[in-house]
């Protein structure tokens, strides 16, 4: 029982580390990695590495090749556009609910704190951490709307959002400051209860970073 628990813990550690390397871009799409390489890095046997790799394969982040290792899967063609379409639908719906019901002062304060954090990360040029704060900002908007189903579904897009943002912003770190400013504008529309203005600003904001939903690519 103890050995099984230790193996599960080791597999979770390997999973979390490898997933972070992929999402942050440290392991670029197309990179071939071996079980031995990761096992040595984490100082574990190959068994938990194999379990972690299988889990990452199920999440479409790795493609396993027997006797060779695993390849980091690129963002599939069309996936970025699909994510943007879903995001806009959920975020616009959240804005409409907030416009109808009002934005609580505490919720607005939390969103402002996230924007302040984004400004710190923009100043530091930390694209990876900024992408995480960016996702947290929008997830906060959806959760604030009070639609629990939408909030749970939106959370499932988090990894894809982060990977897309890092891919789009790494070549253009100067845009981090711009994004923080635009988030401030989006929050102002929510506070004012203007869902139409929020939707228009959101569409422009996302297109400038990722392209329009019909043309967006993971490598933009």
Protein backbone atom coordinates (compact mmCIF):
# COMPACT_ATOMS: atom_id res chain seq x y z
CA UNK A 1 0.00 0.00 0.00
CA UNK A 2 2.79 2.42 0.93
CA UNK A 3 4.73 1.55 -2.22
CA UNK A 4 1.63 2.13 -4.35
CA UNK A 5 1.03 5.53 -2.75
CA UNK A 6 4.66 6.52 -3.28
CA UNK A 7 4.49 5.53 -6.94
CA UNK A 8 1.28 7.52 -7.40
CA UNK A 9 2.93 10.53 -5.76
CA UNK A 10 5.98 10.17 -8.00
CA UNK A 11 3.79 9.89 -11.10
CA UNK A 12 1.92 13.05 -10.06
CA UNK A 13 5.21 14.90 -9.58
CA UNK A 14 6.45 13.83 -13.01
CA UNK A 15 3.10 14.71 -14.58
CA UNK A 16 3.04 18.19 -13.06
CA UNK A 17 6.65 18.94 -14.01
CA UNK A 18 6.39 17.68 -17.58
CA UNK A 19 3.07 19.43 -18.14
CA UNK A 20 4.54 22.70 -16.87
CA UNK A 21 7.51 22.33 -19.24
CA UNK A 22 5.11 21.87 -22.15
CA UNK A 23 2.65 24.63 -21.28
CA UNK A 24 5.42 27.14 -20.55
CA UNK A 25 7.04 26.42 -23.89
CA UNK A 26 10.30 25.20 -22.37
CA UNK A 27 9.59 21.95 -24.20
CA UNK A 28 8.68 23.26 -27.65
CA UNK A 29 6.21 21.50 -29.97
CA UNK A 30 7.96 18.68 -31.81
CA UNK A 31 10.53 18.12 -29.05
CA UNK A 32 11.39 14.45 -28.45
CA UNK A 33 11.81 13.52 -24.79
CA UNK A 34 12.64 10.14 -23.26
CA UNK A 35 11.45 8.44 -20.11
CA UNK A 36 15.05 8.19 -18.96
CA UNK A 37 15.65 11.91 -19.41
CA UNK A 38 12.68 12.87 -17.24
CA UNK A 39 13.34 10.10 -14.71
CA UNK A 40 16.86 11.39 -14.21
CA UNK A 41 15.64 14.96 -13.88
CA UNK A 42 13.08 14.07 -11.19
CA UNK A 43 15.19 11.31 -9.64
CA UNK A 44 12.55 8.60 -9.95
CA UNK A 45 12.28 5.26 -11.73
CA UNK A 46 10.84 4.99 -15.22
CA UNK A 47 7.56 3.47 -14.04
CA UNK A 48 5.99 6.71 -12.72
CA UNK A 49 7.35 8.53 -15.78
CA UNK A 50 5.56 6.06 -18.04
CA UNK A 51 2.32 6.60 -16.09
CA UNK A 52 2.68 10.37 -16.33
CA UNK A 53 3.40 10.20 -20.06
CA UNK A 54 0.25 8.12 -20.61
CA UNK A 55 -1.78 10.74 -18.77
CA UNK A 56 -0.27 13.54 -20.85
CA UNK A 57 -0.99 11.56 -24.01
CA UNK A 58 -4.66 11.34 -22.98
CA UNK A 59 -4.63 15.15 -22.70
CA UNK A 60 -3.16 15.40 -26.22
CA UNK A 61 0.03 17.05 -25.00
CA UNK A 62 2.34 14.12 -25.81
CA UNK A 63 2.43 11.53 -28.58
CA UNK A 64 4.12 8.32 -27.44
CA UNK A 65 6.48 6.43 -29.74
CA UNK A 66 7.56 3.00 -28.43
CA UNK A 67 11.32 2.61 -27.94
CA UNK A 68 11.88 6.25 -28.97
CA UNK A 69 10.16 8.33 -26.32
CA UNK A 70 7.45 10.98 -26.54
CA UNK A 71 7.00 13.99 -28.79
CA UNK A 72 5.43 17.24 -27.61
CA UNK A 73 2.28 17.67 -29.66
CA UNK A 74 1.87 21.02 -31.44
CA UNK A 75 -1.40 22.90 -30.99
CA UNK A 76 -3.66 21.18 -33.56
CA UNK A 77 -4.67 23.18 -36.62
CA UNK A 78 -7.92 24.98 -35.93
CA UNK A 79 -7.84 24.47 -32.16
CA UNK A 80 -6.88 28.07 -31.43
CA UNK A 81 -9.87 29.29 -33.44
CA UNK A 82 -12.14 26.85 -31.60
CA UNK A 83 -10.87 28.06 -28.21
CA UNK A 84 -11.37 31.71 -29.17
CA UNK A 85 -14.94 31.07 -30.30
CA UNK A 86 -15.77 29.32 -27.03
CA UNK A 87 -14.05 32.00 -24.99
CA UNK A 88 -15.93 34.83 -26.66
CA UNK A 89 -19.25 33.05 -26.24
CA UNK A 90 -18.67 32.40 -22.53
CA UNK A 91 -17.15 35.79 -21.75
CA UNK A 92 -19.87 37.73 -23.61
CA UNK A 93 -22.54 35.72 -21.81
CA UNK A 94 -20.86 36.47 -18.49
CA UNK A 95 -20.76 40.19 -19.30
CA UNK A 96 -24.48 40.15 -20.10
CA UNK A 97 -25.27 38.50 -16.76
CA UNK A 98 -23.07 40.97 -14.91
CA UNK A 99 -24.75 43.87 -16.72
CA UNK A 100 -28.12 42.50 -15.65
CA UNK A 101 -27.25 41.70 -12.04
CA UNK A 102 -24.48 44.21 -11.34
CA UNK A 103 -20.83 43.70 -10.41
CA UNK A 104 -20.20 43.36 -6.68
CA UNK A 105 -17.52 45.62 -5.25
CA UNK A 106 -15.56 42.62 -3.94
CA UNK A 107 -15.55 40.97 -7.37
CA UNK A 108 -14.40 44.19 -9.03
CA UNK A 109 -11.62 44.49 -6.45
CA UNK A 110 -10.41 40.95 -7.18
CA UNK A 111 -10.29 41.68 -10.90
CA UNK A 112 -8.38 44.90 -10.26
CA UNK A 113 -5.87 42.95 -8.18
CA UNK A 114 -5.32 40.58 -11.10
CA UNK A 115 -4.71 43.52 -13.43
CA UNK A 116 -2.25 45.01 -10.95
CA UNK A 117 -0.46 41.67 -10.87
CA UNK A 118 -0.38 41.65 -14.67
CA UNK A 119 1.27 45.07 -14.68
CA UNK A 120 3.99 43.78 -12.35
CA UNK A 121 4.59 40.79 -14.60
CA UNK A 122 4.58 42.96 -17.71
CA UNK A 123 7.25 45.17 -16.15
CA UNK A 124 9.30 42.04 -15.38
CA UNK A 125 8.73 40.66 -18.88
CA UNK A 126 7.47 37.36 -17.45
CA UNK A 127 5.33 36.03 -20.30
CA UNK A 128 4.63 32.66 -18.66
CA UNK A 129 3.33 34.10 -15.38
CA UNK A 130 1.44 36.83 -17.27
CA UNK A 131 -0.36 34.18 -19.33
CA UNK A 132 -1.50 32.50 -16.11
CA UNK A 133 -2.71 35.82 -14.69
CA UNK A 134 -4.44 36.59 -17.97
CA UNK A 135 -6.39 33.32 -17.82
CA UNK A 136 -7.25 33.96 -14.16
CA UNK A 137 -8.68 37.38 -15.07
CA UNK A 138 -11.09 36.02 -17.66
CA UNK A 139 -11.98 32.99 -15.58
CA UNK A 140 -12.75 35.42 -12.76
CA UNK A 141 -15.18 37.28 -15.02
CA UNK A 142 -17.01 34.08 -15.96
CA UNK A 143 -17.14 32.84 -12.37
CA UNK A 144 -18.35 36.26 -11.16
CA UNK A 145 -21.34 36.01 -13.49
CA UNK A 146 -22.75 33.30 -11.23
CA UNK A 147 -23.20 30.67 -13.94
CA UNK A 148 -21.56 27.68 -12.27
CA UNK A 149 -21.78 25.42 -15.32
CA UNK A 150 -20.08 28.05 -17.46
CA UNK A 151 -17.42 28.51 -14.80
CA UNK A 152 -16.63 24.80 -14.64
CA UNK A 153 -16.50 24.47 -18.42
CA UNK A 154 -14.37 27.59 -18.78
CA UNK A 155 -11.82 26.14 -16.36
CA UNK A 156 -11.26 23.22 -18.76
CA UNK A 157 -9.93 25.68 -21.35
CA UNK A 158 -7.24 26.97 -18.99
CA UNK A 159 -4.30 24.89 -20.23
CA UNK A 160 -5.09 25.63 -23.87
CA UNK A 161 -5.51 29.35 -23.17
CA UNK A 162 -2.19 29.53 -21.39
CA UNK A 163 -0.34 27.68 -24.12
CA UNK A 164 -1.90 29.89 -26.80
CA UNK A 165 -1.04 33.07 -24.93
CA UNK A 166 2.58 32.09 -24.36
CA UNK A 167 2.93 31.18 -28.04
CA UNK A 168 1.38 34.48 -29.15
CA UNK A 169 3.14 36.76 -26.67
CA UNK A 170 6.65 35.32 -26.40
CA UNK A 171 7.73 36.99 -29.67
CA UNK A 172 6.01 40.25 -28.59
CA UNK A 173 6.58 40.79 -24.85
CA UNK A 174 5.99 44.53 -25.33
CA UNK A 175 2.28 43.69 -25.74
CA UNK A 176 2.00 42.67 -22.09
CA UNK A 177 1.62 46.32 -21.04
CA UNK A 178 -0.99 46.84 -23.77
CA UNK A 179 -2.97 43.81 -22.64
CA UNK A 180 -3.05 45.04 -19.04
CA UNK A 181 -4.36 48.42 -20.25
CA UNK A 182 -7.02 46.71 -22.35
CA UNK A 183 -8.06 44.54 -19.41
CA UNK A 184 -8.56 47.75 -17.44
CA UNK A 185 -10.91 48.93 -20.19
CA UNK A 186 -12.83 45.66 -20.18
CA UNK A 187 -13.30 45.91 -16.43
CA UNK A 188 -14.55 49.49 -16.80
CA UNK A 189 -17.27 48.26 -19.18
CA UNK A 190 -18.29 45.60 -16.65
CA UNK A 191 -18.47 48.15 -13.85
CA UNK A 192 -20.59 50.38 -16.10
CA UNK A 193 -22.86 47.45 -16.95
CA UNK A 194 -22.27 47.92 -20.68
CA UNK A 195 -22.20 44.39 -22.11
CA UNK A 196 -22.23 45.58 -25.73
CA UNK A 197 -19.14 47.74 -25.25
CA UNK A 198 -17.45 44.87 -23.41
CA UNK A 199 -18.15 42.45 -26.28
CA UNK A 200 -16.80 44.84 -28.90
CA UNK A 201 -13.68 45.60 -26.87
CA UNK A 202 -13.15 41.89 -26.19
CA UNK A 203 -13.35 41.01 -29.88
CA UNK A 204 -10.80 43.68 -30.78
CA UNK A 205 -8.56 42.71 -27.88
CA UNK A 206 -8.43 39.00 -28.73
CA UNK A 207 -8.01 39.59 -32.46
CA UNK A 208 -4.98 41.81 -31.84
CA UNK A 209 -3.30 39.06 -29.85
CA UNK A 210 -4.47 35.83 -31.46
CA UNK A 211 -6.11 36.82 -34.73
CA UNK A 212 -9.83 36.50 -35.44
CA UNK A 213 -11.49 33.18 -34.52
CA UNK A 214 -11.57 32.11 -38.16
CA UNK A 215 -7.86 32.68 -38.75
CA UNK A 216 -6.22 32.18 -35.34
CA UNK A 217 -3.36 29.73 -35.03
CA UNK A 218 -1.50 28.42 -32.02
CA UNK A 219 1.77 29.82 -33.35
CA UNK A 220 0.63 33.36 -34.01
